[in-house]
């Protein structure tokens, strides 16, 4: 059924958003941990891989400034990622809600 395919895509997308949110939260929690290195995922690549059922691969982003204690967490970057993640989640939720409404209307029209 078409809706099951859509639901599976939304589920994979939102699961990936959740995984990224956990990484960003961990980065922020470790902003003062000496030697801690920022973790992230390549969102586009991981979404494509999620369709195959693979778990996300955690990467260390390049071009981050390392502080004298070896930590490279950039709070501005992490705040931007939090906002971006929230926006992506909201957009996906709105699309899912709209698709669900379309299915509901189609089912109601079929009963007329």
N, C-alpha and C. Protein backbone atom coordinates (compact mmCIF):
# COMPACT_ATOMS: atom_id res chain seq x y z
N UNK A 1 0.84 -1.17 0.00
CA UNK A 1 0.00 0.00 0.00
C UNK A 1 0.89 1.25 0.00
N UNK A 2 0.47 2.25 -0.71
CA UNK A 2 1.24 3.49 -0.84
C UNK A 2 1.49 4.14 0.51
N UNK A 3 0.48 4.16 1.37
CA UNK A 3 0.64 4.82 2.66
C UNK A 3 1.70 4.13 3.51
N UNK A 4 1.79 2.80 3.43
CA UNK A 4 2.81 2.09 4.20
C UNK A 4 4.20 2.50 3.76
N UNK A 5 4.39 2.69 2.45
CA UNK A 5 5.68 3.15 1.94
C UNK A 5 6.01 4.55 2.44
N UNK A 6 5.02 5.44 2.41
CA UNK A 6 5.22 6.80 2.92
C UNK A 6 5.54 6.78 4.41
N UNK A 7 4.78 5.99 5.15
CA UNK A 7 4.99 5.91 6.60
C UNK A 7 6.39 5.39 6.91
N UNK A 8 6.85 4.42 6.15
CA UNK A 8 8.20 3.87 6.37
C UNK A 8 9.26 4.93 6.09
N UNK A 9 9.07 5.73 5.05
CA UNK A 9 10.03 6.80 4.75
C UNK A 9 10.05 7.85 5.85
N UNK A 10 8.88 8.25 6.32
CA UNK A 10 8.81 9.22 7.41
C UNK A 10 9.48 8.66 8.66
N UNK A 11 9.22 7.39 8.92
CA UNK A 11 9.80 6.76 10.11
C UNK A 11 11.33 6.76 10.02
N UNK A 12 11.88 6.38 8.87
CA UNK A 12 13.34 6.37 8.70
C UNK A 12 13.91 7.78 8.85
N UNK A 13 13.25 8.75 8.25
CA UNK A 13 13.71 10.13 8.30
C UNK A 13 13.72 10.64 9.74
N UNK A 14 12.63 10.41 10.46
CA UNK A 14 12.52 10.90 11.82
C UNK A 14 13.45 10.14 12.77
N UNK A 15 13.69 8.87 12.50
CA UNK A 15 14.65 8.11 13.29
C UNK A 15 16.04 8.68 13.11
N UNK A 16 16.39 9.02 11.89
CA UNK A 16 17.69 9.62 11.61
C UNK A 16 17.81 10.98 12.29
N UNK A 17 16.74 11.77 12.28
CA UNK A 17 16.75 13.05 13.00
C UNK A 17 16.98 12.83 14.49
N UNK A 18 16.35 11.81 15.02
CA UNK A 18 16.51 11.49 16.44
C UNK A 18 17.95 11.10 16.75
N UNK A 19 18.55 10.30 15.89
CA UNK A 19 19.95 9.90 16.09
C UNK A 19 20.87 11.12 16.06
N UNK A 20 20.61 12.02 15.13
CA UNK A 20 21.45 13.22 15.06
C UNK A 20 21.25 14.09 16.30
N UNK A 21 20.02 14.18 16.77
CA UNK A 21 19.72 14.97 17.96
C UNK A 21 20.51 14.44 19.17
N UNK A 22 20.60 13.11 19.28
CA UNK A 22 21.36 12.50 20.37
C UNK A 22 22.84 12.87 20.27
N UNK A 23 23.39 12.84 19.06
CA UNK A 23 24.79 13.19 18.88
C UNK A 23 25.05 14.66 19.23
N UNK A 24 24.17 15.54 18.78
CA UNK A 24 24.33 16.97 19.07
C UNK A 24 24.23 17.21 20.58
N UNK A 25 23.29 16.56 21.23
CA UNK A 25 23.15 16.71 22.68
C UNK A 25 24.41 16.21 23.39
N UNK A 26 24.96 15.12 22.92
CA UNK A 26 26.20 14.60 23.50
C UNK A 26 27.35 15.57 23.29
N UNK A 27 27.43 16.16 22.10
CA UNK A 27 28.47 17.15 21.84
C UNK A 27 28.37 18.32 22.81
N UNK A 28 27.16 18.82 22.99
CA UNK A 28 26.95 19.96 23.89
C UNK A 28 27.30 19.57 25.33
N UNK A 29 26.90 18.38 25.73
CA UNK A 29 27.18 17.92 27.09
C UNK A 29 28.68 17.78 27.34
N UNK A 30 29.44 17.56 26.29
CA UNK A 30 30.88 17.36 26.43
C UNK A 30 31.71 18.56 26.00
N UNK A 31 31.09 19.74 25.95
CA UNK A 31 31.80 20.93 25.48
C UNK A 31 33.03 21.24 26.32
N UNK A 32 33.03 20.85 27.57
CA UNK A 32 34.17 21.13 28.44
C UNK A 32 34.99 19.87 28.77
N UNK A 33 34.75 18.78 28.07
CA UNK A 33 35.49 17.54 28.32
C UNK A 33 36.79 17.55 27.53
N UNK A 34 37.91 17.58 28.21
CA UNK A 34 39.20 17.60 27.49
C UNK A 34 39.33 16.38 26.55
N UNK A 35 39.78 16.66 25.34
CA UNK A 35 40.01 15.60 24.37
C UNK A 35 38.77 15.10 23.64
N UNK A 36 37.59 15.59 24.01
CA UNK A 36 36.36 15.14 23.34
C UNK A 36 36.33 15.68 21.92
N UNK A 37 35.92 14.82 20.98
CA UNK A 37 35.80 15.23 19.58
C UNK A 37 34.35 15.16 19.14
N UNK A 38 33.93 16.19 18.44
CA UNK A 38 32.57 16.32 17.94
C UNK A 38 32.18 15.12 17.08
N UNK A 39 30.96 14.65 17.28
CA UNK A 39 30.41 13.55 16.48
C UNK A 39 29.19 14.04 15.72
N UNK A 40 29.02 13.50 14.54
CA UNK A 40 27.88 13.88 13.70
C UNK A 40 27.63 12.75 12.72
N UNK A 41 26.65 12.94 11.86
CA UNK A 41 26.39 12.03 10.75
C UNK A 41 26.26 12.87 9.48
N UNK A 42 26.59 12.27 8.36
CA UNK A 42 26.36 12.91 7.06
C UNK A 42 24.89 12.63 6.74
N UNK A 43 24.04 13.63 6.99
CA UNK A 43 22.59 13.41 6.97
C UNK A 43 22.08 12.86 5.64
N UNK A 44 22.48 13.45 4.53
CA UNK A 44 22.00 13.02 3.22
C UNK A 44 22.41 11.58 2.93
N UNK A 45 23.68 11.28 3.14
CA UNK A 45 24.18 9.93 2.88
C UNK A 45 23.48 8.92 3.78
N UNK A 46 23.33 9.27 5.05
CA UNK A 46 22.71 8.34 5.99
C UNK A 46 21.23 8.13 5.71
N UNK A 47 20.53 9.13 5.19
CA UNK A 47 19.13 8.92 4.82
C UNK A 47 19.04 7.95 3.65
N UNK A 48 19.94 8.09 2.70
CA UNK A 48 19.96 7.15 1.57
C UNK A 48 20.28 5.74 2.07
N UNK A 49 21.20 5.61 3.01
CA UNK A 49 21.55 4.30 3.57
C UNK A 49 20.45 3.74 4.45
N UNK A 50 19.69 4.61 5.09
CA UNK A 50 18.61 4.17 5.97
C UNK A 50 17.56 3.40 5.18
N UNK A 51 17.39 3.73 3.92
CA UNK A 51 16.44 3.01 3.08
C UNK A 51 16.84 1.55 2.94
N UNK A 52 18.13 1.28 3.08
CA UNK A 52 18.63 -0.09 3.00
C UNK A 52 18.63 -0.76 4.37
N UNK A 53 18.24 -0.02 5.41
CA UNK A 53 18.17 -0.57 6.75
C UNK A 53 19.48 -0.50 7.53
N UNK A 54 20.47 0.21 7.00
CA UNK A 54 21.76 0.32 7.69
C UNK A 54 21.67 1.31 8.85
N UNK A 55 22.46 1.09 9.89
CA UNK A 55 22.56 2.04 10.99
C UNK A 55 23.44 3.21 10.56
N UNK A 56 23.19 4.39 11.11
CA UNK A 56 24.00 5.55 10.74
C UNK A 56 25.46 5.38 11.16
N UNK A 57 26.34 5.88 10.32
CA UNK A 57 27.76 5.88 10.63
C UNK A 57 28.12 7.23 11.25
N UNK A 58 28.69 7.17 12.43
CA UNK A 58 29.09 8.40 13.14
C UNK A 58 30.43 8.84 12.58
N UNK A 59 30.52 10.13 12.28
CA UNK A 59 31.75 10.70 11.74
C UNK A 59 32.23 11.84 12.64
N UNK A 60 33.48 12.21 12.47
CA UNK A 60 33.99 13.41 13.11
C UNK A 60 34.09 14.47 12.04
N UNK A 61 33.29 15.53 12.15
CA UNK A 61 33.32 16.58 11.13
C UNK A 61 34.71 17.18 10.99
N UNK A 62 35.06 17.54 9.78
CA UNK A 62 36.37 18.16 9.54
C UNK A 62 36.26 19.67 9.70
N UNK A 63 37.40 20.32 9.72
CA UNK A 63 37.51 21.78 9.76
C UNK A 63 36.97 22.41 11.04
N UNK A 64 36.98 21.68 12.15
CA UNK A 64 36.59 22.26 13.42
C UNK A 64 37.86 22.68 14.16
N UNK A 65 37.80 23.79 14.83
CA UNK A 65 38.95 24.29 15.58
C UNK A 65 39.11 23.50 16.87
N UNK A 66 40.30 22.98 17.08
CA UNK A 66 40.59 22.23 18.30
C UNK A 66 41.19 23.18 19.34
N UNK A 67 40.59 23.17 20.53
CA UNK A 67 41.07 24.00 21.63
C UNK A 67 42.33 23.38 22.24
N UNK A 68 43.07 24.13 23.03
CA UNK A 68 44.30 23.59 23.63
C UNK A 68 44.11 22.30 24.42
N UNK A 69 42.89 22.07 24.97
CA UNK A 69 42.66 20.84 25.73
C UNK A 69 42.28 19.65 24.84
N UNK A 70 42.28 19.87 23.51
CA UNK A 70 41.97 18.79 22.57
C UNK A 70 40.51 18.68 22.20
N UNK A 71 39.64 19.48 22.81
CA UNK A 71 38.21 19.45 22.53
C UNK A 71 37.93 20.32 21.31
N UNK A 72 37.04 19.84 20.42
CA UNK A 72 36.72 20.63 19.23
C UNK A 72 35.23 20.94 19.08
N UNK A 73 34.48 20.89 20.17
CA UNK A 73 33.04 21.21 20.11
C UNK A 73 32.87 22.71 19.92
N UNK A 74 32.07 23.08 18.92
CA UNK A 74 31.75 24.47 18.62
C UNK A 74 30.28 24.67 18.98
N UNK A 75 30.00 25.37 20.07
CA UNK A 75 28.62 25.55 20.53
C UNK A 75 27.74 26.24 19.51
N UNK A 76 28.29 27.17 18.74
CA UNK A 76 27.49 27.84 17.70
C UNK A 76 27.04 26.83 16.65
N UNK A 77 27.95 25.96 16.24
CA UNK A 77 27.61 24.92 15.25
C UNK A 77 26.53 23.99 15.82
N UNK A 78 26.70 23.58 17.06
CA UNK A 78 25.74 22.65 17.67
C UNK A 78 24.37 23.30 17.83
N UNK A 79 24.33 24.58 18.19
CA UNK A 79 23.05 25.29 18.30
C UNK A 79 22.36 25.37 16.94
N UNK A 80 23.16 25.61 15.89
CA UNK A 80 22.60 25.66 14.54
C UNK A 80 22.03 24.30 14.15
N UNK A 81 22.75 23.22 14.50
CA UNK A 81 22.26 21.88 14.18
C UNK A 81 20.99 21.54 14.95
N UNK A 82 20.89 21.99 16.20
CA UNK A 82 19.66 21.78 16.97
C UNK A 82 18.48 22.46 16.29
N UNK A 83 18.67 23.70 15.86
CA UNK A 83 17.61 24.44 15.19
C UNK A 83 17.25 23.79 13.85
N UNK A 84 18.26 23.38 13.10
CA UNK A 84 18.03 22.73 11.82
C UNK A 84 17.28 21.42 12.01
N UNK A 85 17.66 20.65 13.01
CA UNK A 85 16.99 19.38 13.28
C UNK A 85 15.53 19.60 13.64
N UNK A 86 15.27 20.60 14.49
CA UNK A 86 13.89 20.91 14.90
C UNK A 86 13.05 21.31 13.68
N UNK A 87 13.63 22.10 12.80
CA UNK A 87 12.92 22.52 11.60
C UNK A 87 12.64 21.33 10.69
N UNK A 88 13.63 20.48 10.49
CA UNK A 88 13.43 19.28 9.66
C UNK A 88 12.33 18.39 10.23
N UNK A 89 12.34 18.23 11.55
CA UNK A 89 11.33 17.40 12.20
C UNK A 89 9.94 18.00 12.00
N UNK A 90 9.83 19.31 12.17
CA UNK A 90 8.54 19.98 12.01
C UNK A 90 8.03 19.85 10.57
N UNK A 91 8.91 20.01 9.61
CA UNK A 91 8.52 19.87 8.20
C UNK A 91 8.05 18.45 7.91
N UNK A 92 8.81 17.46 8.38
CA UNK A 92 8.42 16.07 8.16
C UNK A 92 7.08 15.76 8.82
N UNK A 93 6.89 16.30 10.01
CA UNK A 93 5.63 16.09 10.72
C UNK A 93 4.47 16.70 9.93
N UNK A 94 4.66 17.89 9.38
CA UNK A 94 3.61 18.54 8.60
C UNK A 94 3.29 17.75 7.33
N UNK A 95 4.33 17.27 6.65
CA UNK A 95 4.10 16.45 5.46
C UNK A 95 3.36 15.17 5.81
N UNK A 96 3.78 14.52 6.89
CA UNK A 96 3.12 13.28 7.31
C UNK A 96 1.66 13.53 7.65
N UNK A 97 1.41 14.61 8.36
CA UNK A 97 0.03 14.95 8.73
C UNK A 97 -0.81 15.19 7.47
N UNK A 98 -0.24 15.91 6.49
CA UNK A 98 -0.95 16.16 5.25
C UNK A 98 -1.24 14.89 4.47
N UNK A 99 -0.25 14.00 4.40
CA UNK A 99 -0.45 12.72 3.70
C UNK A 99 -1.50 11.87 4.40
N UNK A 100 -1.48 11.89 5.73
CA UNK A 100 -2.48 11.14 6.49
C UNK A 100 -3.88 11.70 6.24
N UNK A 101 -3.97 13.01 6.15
CA UNK A 101 -5.27 13.65 5.86
C UNK A 101 -5.75 13.26 4.46
N UNK A 102 -4.82 13.19 3.49
CA UNK A 102 -5.19 12.76 2.13
C UNK A 102 -5.74 11.34 2.12
N UNK A 103 -5.10 10.46 2.88
CA UNK A 103 -5.57 9.08 2.95
C UNK A 103 -6.95 9.03 3.61
N UNK A 104 -7.11 9.81 4.66
CA UNK A 104 -8.40 9.86 5.35
C UNK A 104 -9.51 10.33 4.40
N UNK A 105 -9.22 11.39 3.64
CA UNK A 105 -10.21 11.89 2.68
C UNK A 105 -10.52 10.86 1.59
N UNK A 106 -9.49 10.17 1.13
CA UNK A 106 -9.70 9.15 0.10
C UNK A 106 -10.57 8.02 0.62
N UNK A 107 -10.36 7.64 1.86
CA UNK A 107 -11.18 6.57 2.46
C UNK A 107 -12.62 7.03 2.64
N UNK A 108 -12.79 8.29 3.04
CA UNK A 108 -14.15 8.82 3.21
C UNK A 108 -14.86 8.92 1.87
N UNK A 109 -14.17 9.34 0.82
CA UNK A 109 -14.77 9.43 -0.51
C UNK A 109 -15.15 8.05 -1.02
N UNK A 110 -14.42 7.04 -0.65
CA UNK A 110 -14.72 5.68 -1.08
C UNK A 110 -15.98 5.12 -0.45
N UNK A 111 -16.41 5.69 0.65
CA UNK A 111 -17.61 5.24 1.34
C UNK A 111 -18.86 5.95 0.86
N UNK A 112 -18.72 7.01 0.08
CA UNK A 112 -19.87 7.81 -0.34
C UNK A 112 -20.76 7.05 -1.28
